[in-house]
PDB file of N, CA and C in Angstrom:
ATOM      1  N   MET A   1       4.537  20.052  -3.294  1.00  0.00           N
ATOM      2  CA  MET A   1       6.245  19.025  -4.053  1.00  0.00           C
ATOM      3  C   MET A   1       7.188  20.145  -4.888  1.00  0.00           C
ATOM      4  N   ALA A   2       7.079  21.510  -5.374  1.00  0.00           N
ATOM      5  CA  ALA A   2       7.791  22.169  -5.725  1.00  0.00           C
ATOM      6  C   ALA A   2       8.117  23.143  -4.884  1.00  0.00           C
ATOM      7  N   VAL A   3       8.008  23.230  -3.898  1.00  0.00           N
ATOM      8  CA  VAL A   3       8.665  23.473  -2.740  1.00  0.00           C
ATOM      9  C   VAL A   3       9.714  22.721  -3.289  1.00  0.00           C
ATOM     10  N   VAL A   4       9.712  22.136  -2.367  1.00  0.00           N
ATOM     11  CA  VAL A   4      11.066  20.753  -2.046  1.00  0.00           C
ATOM     12  C   VAL A   4      11.762  21.040  -2.946  1.00  0.00           C
ATOM     13  N   LEU A   5      10.919  20.342  -3.999  1.00  0.00           N
ATOM     14  CA  LEU A   5      12.860  20.643  -4.751  1.00  0.00           C
ATOM     15  C   LEU A   5      12.731  21.612  -5.809  1.00  0.00           C
ATOM     16  N   ASP A   6      12.350  22.622  -5.691  1.00  0.00           N
ATOM     17  CA  ASP A   6      12.301  24.054  -5.847  1.00  0.00           C
ATOM     18  C   ASP A   6      12.401  24.381  -7.638  1.00  0.00           C
ATOM     19  N   ARG A   7      11.592  23.190  -8.190  1.00  0.00           N
ATOM     20  CA  ARG A   7      11.496  23.772  -9.468  1.00  0.00           C
ATOM     21  C   ARG A   7       9.876  23.292  -9.626  1.00  0.00           C
ATOM     22  N   ASP A   8       9.756  23.827 -10.671  1.00  0.00           N
ATOM     23  CA  ASP A   8       8.239  22.978 -11.413  1.00  0.00           C
ATOM     24  C   ASP A   8       7.345  21.994 -11.158  1.00  0.00           C
ATOM     25  N   VAL A   9       6.235  21.512 -10.582  1.00  0.00           N
ATOM     26  CA  VAL A   9       6.459  20.236 -11.121  1.00  0.00           C
ATOM     27  C   VAL A   9       4.560  20.001 -11.510  1.00  0.00           C
ATOM     28  N   GLU A  10       4.718  18.862 -12.756  1.00  0.00           N
ATOM     29  CA  GLU A  10       3.511  19.081 -13.017  1.00  0.00           C
ATOM     30  C   GLU A  10       2.121  18.106 -13.165  1.00  0.00           C
ATOM     31  N   TYR A  11       1.275  18.594 -13.062  1.00  0.00           N
ATOM     32  CA  TYR A  11       0.008  18.004 -11.990  1.00  0.00           C
ATOM     33  C   TYR A  11      -0.813  18.223 -13.631  1.00  0.00           C
ATOM     34  N   ARG A  12      -0.669  16.179 -13.107  1.00  0.00           N
ATOM     35  CA  ARG A  12      -1.842  15.590 -15.121  1.00  0.00           C
ATOM     36  C   ARG A  12      -2.484  14.731 -14.738  1.00  0.00           C
ATOM     37  N   ALA A  13      -3.841  14.898 -14.907  1.00  0.00           N
ATOM     38  CA  ALA A  13      -4.880  13.996 -13.368  1.00  0.00           C
ATOM     39  C   ALA A  13      -4.162  12.980 -14.959  1.00  0.00           C
ATOM     40  N   VAL A  14      -4.724  11.047 -14.574  1.00  0.00           N
ATOM     41  CA  VAL A  14      -4.812  10.196 -14.695  1.00  0.00           C
ATOM     42  C   VAL A  14      -6.385   9.410 -14.726  1.00  0.00           C
ATOM     43  N   THR A  15      -6.914   8.562 -15.572  1.00  0.00           N
ATOM     44  CA  THR A  15      -8.046   7.912 -14.406  1.00  0.00           C
ATOM     45  C   THR A  15      -7.757   6.653 -14.614  1.00  0.00           C
ATOM     46  N   ALA A  16      -8.480   5.792 -13.525  1.00  0.00           N
ATOM     47  CA  ALA A  16      -8.399   4.552 -13.391  1.00  0.00           C
ATOM     48  C   ALA A  16      -7.623   3.598 -13.875  1.00  0.00           C
ATOM     49  N   ASP A  17      -7.884   3.682 -14.638  1.00  0.00           N
ATOM     50  CA  ASP A  17      -6.924   2.536 -16.122  1.00  0.00           C
ATOM     51  C   ASP A  17      -5.876   3.040 -16.011  1.00  0.00           C
ATOM     52  N   GLU A  18      -5.402   4.196 -16.416  1.00  0.00           N
ATOM     53  CA  GLU A  18      -3.978   4.612 -16.295  1.00  0.00           C
ATOM     54  C   GLU A  18      -3.479   4.474 -16.185  1.00  0.00           C
ATOM     55  N   LEU A  19      -3.843   4.910 -14.675  1.00  0.00           N
ATOM     56  CA  LEU A  19      -2.804   4.348 -12.624  1.00  0.00           C
ATOM     57  C   LEU A  19      -3.210   3.085 -13.350  1.00  0.00           C
ATOM     58  N   ARG A  20      -3.942   2.065 -13.368  1.00  0.00           N
ATOM     59  CA  ARG A  20      -3.796   0.278 -13.411  1.00  0.00           C
ATOM     60  C   ARG A  20      -2.686   0.324 -14.282  1.00  0.00           C
ATOM     61  N   THR A  21      -2.681   0.570 -15.381  1.00  0.00           N
ATOM     62  CA  THR A  21      -2.218   0.194 -16.406  1.00  0.00           C
ATOM     63  C   THR A  21      -0.555   0.576 -16.217  1.00  0.00           C
ATOM     64  N   THR A  22      -0.493   1.929 -15.504  1.00  0.00           N
ATOM     65  CA  THR A  22       1.215   2.789 -15.691  1.00  0.00           C
ATOM     66  C   THR A  22       1.539   2.208 -14.003  1.00  0.00           C
ATOM     67  N   LEU A  23       0.456   1.076 -13.508  1.00  0.00           N
ATOM     68  CA  LEU A  23       0.990   0.763 -12.202  1.00  0.00           C
ATOM     69  C   LEU A  23       1.614  -0.282 -12.249  1.00  0.00           C
ATOM     70  N   THR A  24       1.071  -1.792 -12.871  1.00  0.00           N
ATOM     71  CA  THR A  24       1.260  -2.555 -13.662  1.00  0.00           C
ATOM     72  C   THR A  24       2.871  -2.613 -14.757  1.00  0.00           C
ATOM     73  N   ARG A  25       2.314  -1.923 -15.327  1.00  0.00           N
ATOM     74  CA  ARG A  25       3.907  -1.841 -16.128  1.00  0.00           C
ATOM     75  C   ARG A  25       5.325  -1.289 -15.922  1.00  0.00           C
ATOM     76  N   ALA A  26       4.612  -0.977 -14.444  1.00  0.00           N
ATOM     77  CA  ALA A  26       5.415   0.144 -12.810  1.00  0.00           C
ATOM     78  C   ALA A  26       6.442  -1.583 -12.510  1.00  0.00           C
ATOM     79  N   GLY A  27       5.749  -2.994 -12.513  1.00  0.00           N
ATOM     80  CA  GLY A  27       5.737  -3.995 -12.156  1.00  0.00           C
ATOM     81  C   GLY A  27       5.343  -3.898 -10.620  1.00  0.00           C
ATOM     82  N   VAL A  28       4.243  -3.841 -10.433  1.00  0.00           N
ATOM     83  CA  VAL A  28       3.132  -3.858  -9.256  1.00  0.00           C
ATOM     84  C   VAL A  28       2.679  -5.035  -9.506  1.00  0.00           C
ATOM     85  N   ASP A  29       2.207  -5.682  -8.449  1.00  0.00           N
ATOM     86  CA  ASP A  29       0.252  -7.003  -8.989  1.00  0.00           C
ATOM     87  C   ASP A  29      -0.428  -6.313  -9.395  1.00  0.00           C
ATOM     88  N   GLY A  30      -1.248  -7.277 -10.289  1.00  0.00           N
ATOM     89  CA  GLY A  30      -2.982  -6.387 -10.526  1.00  0.00           C
ATOM     90  C   GLY A  30      -2.937  -6.685  -9.420  1.00  0.00           C
ATOM     91  N   HIS A  31      -3.102  -7.253  -8.252  1.00  0.00           N
ATOM     92  CA  HIS A  31      -4.094  -7.406  -6.906  1.00  0.00           C
ATOM     93  C   HIS A  31      -3.535  -5.659  -6.556  1.00  0.00           C
ATOM     94  N   THR A  32      -2.099  -5.700  -6.335  1.00  0.00           N
ATOM     95  CA  THR A  32      -1.657  -4.395  -5.222  1.00  0.00           C
ATOM     96  C   THR A  32      -1.383  -3.131  -6.242  1.00  0.00           C
ATOM     97  N   ALA A  33      -2.354  -3.408  -8.008  1.00  0.00           N
ATOM     98  CA  ALA A  33      -2.319  -2.083  -8.707  1.00  0.00           C
ATOM     99  C   ALA A  33      -4.137  -1.660  -8.258  1.00  0.00           C
ATOM    100  N   SER A  34      -5.014  -2.773  -7.786  1.00  0.00           N
ATOM    101  CA  SER A  34      -6.305  -2.771  -7.646  1.00  0.00           C
ATOM    102  C   SER A  34      -6.795  -1.864  -6.315  1.00  0.00           C
ATOM    103  N   PHE A  35      -5.552  -2.111  -5.993  1.00  0.00           N
ATOM    104  CA  PHE A  35      -5.985  -1.754  -4.554  1.00  0.00           C
ATOM    105  C   PHE A  35      -5.154  -0.242  -4.787  1.00  0.00           C
ATOM    106  N   LEU A  36      -4.383   0.103  -4.652  1.00  0.00           N
ATOM    107  CA  LEU A  36      -3.630   1.850  -4.785  1.00  0.00           C
ATOM    108  C   LEU A  36      -4.792   1.883  -5.679  1.00  0.00           C
ATOM    109  N   VAL A  37      -5.427   1.446  -6.586  1.00  0.00           N
ATOM    110  CA  VAL A  37      -6.126   2.348  -7.561  1.00  0.00           C
ATOM    111  C   VAL A  37      -7.714   2.401  -6.707  1.00  0.00           C
ATOM    112  N   GLY A  38      -8.292   1.894  -6.035  1.00  0.00           N
ATOM    113  CA  GLY A  38      -9.560   2.326  -4.955  1.00  0.00           C
ATOM    114  C   GLY A  38      -8.944   3.779  -4.007  1.00  0.00           C
ATOM    115  N   LEU A  39      -7.694   3.027  -3.380  1.00  0.00           N
ATOM    116  CA  LEU A  39      -6.950   3.953  -2.688  1.00  0.00           C
ATOM    117  C   LEU A  39      -7.819   5.640  -3.651  1.00  0.00           C
ATOM    118  N   ASP A  40      -6.867   5.811  -4.248  1.00  0.00           N
ATOM    119  CA  ASP A  40      -6.565   6.747  -4.875  1.00  0.00           C
ATOM    120  C   ASP A  40      -7.813   7.124  -5.381  1.00  0.00           C
ATOM    121  N   GLU A  41      -8.882   6.601  -5.728  1.00  0.00           N
ATOM    122  CA  GLU A  41      -9.876   7.201  -5.911  1.00  0.00           C
ATOM    123  C   GLU A  41     -10.808   6.758  -4.749  1.00  0.00           C
ATOM    124  N   ALA A  42     -10.545   6.899  -3.329  1.00  0.00           N
ATOM    125  CA  ALA A  42     -10.384   7.327  -2.065  1.00  0.00           C
ATOM    126  C   ALA A  42     -10.590   8.629  -2.037  1.00  0.00           C
ATOM    127  N   ILE A  43      -9.642   8.566  -1.932  1.00  0.00           N
ATOM    128  CA  ILE A  43      -8.937   9.655  -1.624  1.00  0.00           C
ATOM    129  C   ILE A  43      -9.691  10.834  -1.953  1.00  0.00           C
ATOM    130  N   ALA A  44      -9.948  10.974  -3.844  1.00  0.00           N
ATOM    131  CA  ALA A  44      -9.892  12.153  -4.940  1.00  0.00           C
ATOM    132  C   ALA A  44     -11.757  12.022  -4.767  1.00  0.00           C
ATOM    133  N   SER A  45     -12.539  10.929  -3.312  1.00  0.00           N
ATOM    134  CA  SER A  45     -14.027  11.935  -3.667  1.00  0.00           C
ATOM    135  C   SER A  45     -14.079  11.898  -2.346  1.00  0.00           C
ATOM    136  N   GLY A  46     -12.305  12.789  -1.313  1.00  0.00           N
ATOM    137  CA  GLY A  46     -12.835  13.488  -0.430  1.00  0.00           C
ATOM    138  C   GLY A  46     -13.097  12.049   1.214  1.00  0.00           C
ATOM    139  N   LEU A  47     -13.235  10.817   0.907  1.00  0.00           N
ATOM    140  CA  LEU A  47     -13.580  10.396   2.357  1.00  0.00           C
ATOM    141  C   LEU A  47     -12.122   9.898   2.909  1.00  0.00           C
ATOM    142  N   TYR A  48     -11.247  10.134   2.746  1.00  0.00           N
ATOM    143  CA  TYR A  48     -10.345  10.353   3.658  1.00  0.00           C
ATOM    144  C   TYR A  48      -9.632  12.218   4.746  1.00  0.00           C
ATOM    145  N   ALA A  49     -10.906  12.908   3.810  1.00  0.00           N
ATOM    146  CA  ALA A  49     -10.188  14.659   4.162  1.00  0.00           C
ATOM    147  C   ALA A  49     -10.857  14.852   5.858  1.00  0.00           C
ATOM    148  N   ARG A  50     -10.901  13.700   6.092  1.00  0.00           N
ATOM    149  CA  ARG A  50     -11.024  14.538   7.771  1.00  0.00           C
ATOM    150  C   ARG A  50      -9.948  14.701   8.329  1.00  0.00           C
ATOM    151  N   SER A  51      -9.671  15.574   9.184  1.00  0.00           N
ATOM    152  CA  SER A  51      -8.368  16.253   9.915  1.00  0.00           C
ATOM    153  C   SER A  51      -8.450  16.602  11.222  1.00  0.00           C
ATOM    154  N   GLY A  52      -7.696  15.716  12.065  1.00  0.00           N
ATOM    155  CA  GLY A  52      -7.719  16.161  13.644  1.00  0.00           C
ATOM    156  C   GLY A  52      -6.420  15.864  14.282  1.00  0.00           C
ATOM    157  N   ASP A  53      -6.904  15.663  15.076  1.00  0.00           N
ATOM    158  CA  ASP A  53      -5.145  15.304  16.155  1.00  0.00           C
ATOM    159  C   ASP A  53      -5.038  14.325  16.739  1.00  0.00           C
ATOM    160  N   ASP A  54      -6.089  12.921  16.121  1.00  0.00           N
ATOM    161  CA  ASP A  54      -5.606  11.448  15.869  1.00  0.00           C
ATOM    162  C   ASP A  54      -4.070  10.492  16.629  1.00  0.00           C
ATOM    163  N   LEU A  55      -3.533  11.589  14.908  1.00  0.00           N
ATOM    164  CA  LEU A  55      -1.383  10.668  14.893  1.00  0.00           C
ATOM    165  C   LEU A  55      -0.952  11.628  16.304  1.00  0.00           C
ATOM    166  N   PRO A  56      -0.452  12.731  15.949  1.00  0.00           N
ATOM    167  CA  PRO A  56      -0.152  13.233  17.582  1.00  0.00           C
ATOM    168  C   PRO A  56      -0.446  12.043  18.638  1.00  0.00           C
ATOM    169  N   ARG A  57      -1.558  12.667  18.713  1.00  0.00           N
ATOM    170  CA  ARG A  57      -1.862  11.338  20.515  1.00  0.00           C
ATOM    171  C   ARG A  57      -2.159  10.417  19.737  1.00  0.00           C
ATOM    172  N   LEU A  58      -0.809   9.867  18.617  1.00  0.00           N
ATOM    173  CA  LEU A  58      -0.961   8.010  19.606  1.00  0.00           C
ATOM    174  C   LEU A  58       0.524   8.544  19.181  1.00  0.00           C
ATOM    175  N   ILE A  59       1.547   8.967  18.631  1.00  0.00           N
ATOM    176  CA  ILE A  59       2.591   8.962  18.583  1.00  0.00           C
ATOM    177  C   ILE A  59       3.739  10.039  19.612  1.00  0.00           C
ATOM    178  N   GLY A  60       2.487  10.791  20.474  1.00  0.00           N
ATOM    179  CA  GLY A  60       2.652  11.112  21.847  1.00  0.00           C
ATOM    180  C   GLY A  60       3.607  12.378  21.068  1.00  0.00           C
ATOM    181  N   ARG A  61       3.899  13.383  20.401  1.00  0.00           N
ATOM    182  CA  ARG A  61       4.797  14.133  20.084  1.00  0.00           C
ATOM    183  C   ARG A  61       3.284  14.937  18.649  1.00  0.00           C
ATOM    184  N   PRO A  62       3.796  16.146  18.305  1.00  0.00           N
ATOM    185  CA  PRO A  62       3.357  16.461  16.883  1.00  0.00           C
ATOM    186  C   PRO A  62       3.734  15.829  15.998  1.00  0.00           C
ATOM    187  N   SER A  63       2.961  15.455  15.095  1.00  0.00           N
ATOM    188  CA  SER A  63       3.174  15.162  13.855  1.00  0.00           C
ATOM    189  C   SER A  63       3.804  16.712  13.087  1.00  0.00           C
ATOM    190  N   THR A  64       5.174  15.447  11.909  1.00  0.00           N
ATOM    191  CA  THR A  64       5.613  16.401  11.123  1.00  0.00           C
ATOM    192  C   THR A  64       5.373  16.927   9.739  1.00  0.00           C
ATOM    193  N   GLY A  65       4.655  17.940   9.307  1.00  0.00           N
ATOM    194  CA  GLY A  65       4.278  18.454   8.195  1.00  0.00           C
ATOM    195  C   GLY A  65       4.616  17.771   6.705  1.00  0.00           C
ATOM    196  N   ILE A  66       4.032  17.860   5.623  1.00  0.00           N
ATOM    197  CA  ILE A  66       4.039  16.884   4.342  1.00  0.00           C
ATOM    198  C   ILE A  66       5.703  17.349   4.093  1.00  0.00           C
ATOM    199  N   VAL A  67       5.724  19.054   3.859  1.00  0.00           N
ATOM    200  CA  VAL A  67       6.888  19.727   3.960  1.00  0.00           C
ATOM    201  C   VAL A  67       8.024  19.737   4.047  1.00  0.00           C
ATOM    202  N   GLU A  68       8.001  19.300   5.265  1.00  0.00           N
ATOM    203  CA  GLU A  68       9.086  19.290   6.883  1.00  0.00           C
ATOM    204  C   GLU A  68       9.372  17.898   5.898  1.00  0.00           C
ATOM    205  N   GLY A  69       8.687  16.936   5.822  1.00  0.00           N
ATOM    206  CA  GLY A  69       9.239  15.280   6.039  1.00  0.00           C
ATOM    207  C   GLY A  69       9.594  15.151   4.734  1.00  0.00           C
ATOM    208  N   LEU A  70       9.676  15.689   3.550  1.00  0.00           N
ATOM    209  CA  LEU A  70       9.877  15.687   2.871  1.00  0.00           C
ATOM    210  C   LEU A  70      11.459  16.238   2.089  1.00  0.00           C
ATOM    211  N   ARG A  71      11.533  17.572   2.337  1.00  0.00           N
ATOM    212  CA  ARG A  71      12.846  18.632   2.884  1.00  0.00           C
ATOM    213  C   ARG A  71      13.796  17.836   3.964  1.00  0.00           C
ATOM    214  N   ALA A  72      13.304  16.497   4.659  1.00  0.00           N
ATOM    215  CA  ALA A  72      14.188  15.718   6.138  1.00  0.00           C
ATOM    216  C   ALA A  72      14.522  14.443   5.031  1.00  0.00           C
ATOM    217  N   GLN A  73      13.905  13.885   4.487  1.00  0.00           N
ATOM    218  CA  GLN A  73      14.377  12.997   3.012  1.00  0.00           C
ATOM    219  C   GLN A  73      15.799  13.249   1.619  1.00  0.00           C
TER     220      GLN A  73
END
C-alpha cells in the first residue's frame, strides 16, 4: 500500500473483537461484521494462501497485480 500511496503506512494488528467493534461502529450490521471477522481469521490462518492460475483461466486473460490494480483506481 505504501508503494501506491507514496507514503508510510502503519500496520496495527487488532483482535477479532476489536475488528468487530470497529466495523459495527462504522455502521456495518452485526451479521456482516461477524462474517468479515471470520473471513479475516481464515485469511490469517492461511486458509486462502494457495495460489494458482484459476482466475486467469476463468476470465480469459492475465490477472492484474495488487499494486497495478490499486494504482489504476
